[in-house]
Amino acid sequence: MSIKINRYKCGYCGACVGVCPKGALELVETWVEVDESTCITCGICDRICPVGAIEVMK
């Protein structure tokens, strides 16, 4: 399981970073990075993304 972030769609608003219960997402300058060792693939970031740039791959 992993998370895929479409960097062409992502507006780097940071909404996903703020809702991640494990702090697995980090906004780094102009991209979002995922710490897959911390991510529990709960899908909250996928649901909160206003532009649909995040996809949880199960």
Protein backbone atom coordinates (compact mmCIF):
# COMPACT_ATOMS: atom_id res chain seq x y z
CA MET A 1 0.00 0.00 0.00
CA SER A 2 1.22 3.47 -0.82
CA ILE A 3 0.17 7.01 -1.61
CA LYS A 4 0.55 8.59 -5.02
CA ILE A 5 0.62 12.39 -5.29
CA ASN A 6 0.04 13.93 -8.70
CA ARG A 7 2.45 16.87 -8.63
CA TYR A 8 0.80 18.41 -11.71
CA LYS A 9 -2.56 18.64 -9.91
CA CYS A 10 -1.27 19.44 -6.42
CA GLY A 11 -1.59 23.10 -5.44
CA TYR A 12 0.66 22.64 -2.38
CA CYS A 13 -1.98 24.05 -0.04
CA GLY A 14 -0.89 21.79 2.84
CA ALA A 15 -4.39 20.59 3.71
CA CYS A 16 -3.26 16.96 3.61
CA VAL A 17 -0.29 17.68 5.85
CA GLY A 18 -2.54 19.15 8.51
CA VAL A 19 -4.96 16.22 8.68
CA CYS A 20 -2.50 13.31 8.62
CA PRO A 21 -2.88 11.53 11.99
CA LYS A 22 0.65 10.11 11.84
CA GLY A 23 2.45 13.15 10.42
CA ALA A 24 3.55 11.14 7.39
CA LEU A 25 3.12 14.04 4.95
CA GLU A 26 5.45 17.01 4.76
CA LEU A 27 5.26 20.12 2.60
CA VAL A 28 8.76 20.75 1.26
CA GLU A 29 9.04 23.96 -0.77
CA THR A 30 6.93 23.11 -3.85
CA TRP A 31 6.06 19.45 -3.29
CA VAL A 32 4.55 17.09 -0.74
CA GLU A 33 6.64 14.19 0.50
CA VAL A 34 5.26 11.00 2.02
CA ASP A 35 7.08 9.02 4.70
CA GLU A 36 5.77 5.58 3.74
CA SER A 37 7.25 3.98 6.86
CA THR A 38 4.97 6.18 8.99
CA CYS A 39 1.90 6.28 6.70
CA ILE A 40 -0.96 3.97 7.70
CA THR A 41 -2.84 4.52 4.37
CA CYS A 42 -5.98 5.67 6.20
CA GLY A 43 -7.05 7.80 3.21
CA ILE A 44 -7.85 10.98 5.12
CA CYS A 45 -5.45 12.97 2.94
CA ASP A 46 -7.11 11.57 -0.19
CA ARG A 47 -10.54 12.70 1.00
CA ILE A 48 -9.42 16.17 2.16
CA CYS A 49 -7.44 17.13 -0.97
CA PRO A 50 -9.42 19.93 -2.69
CA VAL A 51 -8.01 19.15 -6.15
CA GLY A 52 -7.94 15.35 -6.04
CA ALA A 53 -4.17 15.12 -6.34
CA ILE A 54 -3.76 12.27 -3.82
CA GLU A 55 -4.56 8.62 -4.45
CA VAL A 56 -4.21 5.86 -1.88
CA MET A 57 -3.05 2.71 -3.63
CA LYS A 58 -4.24 -0.42 -1.79
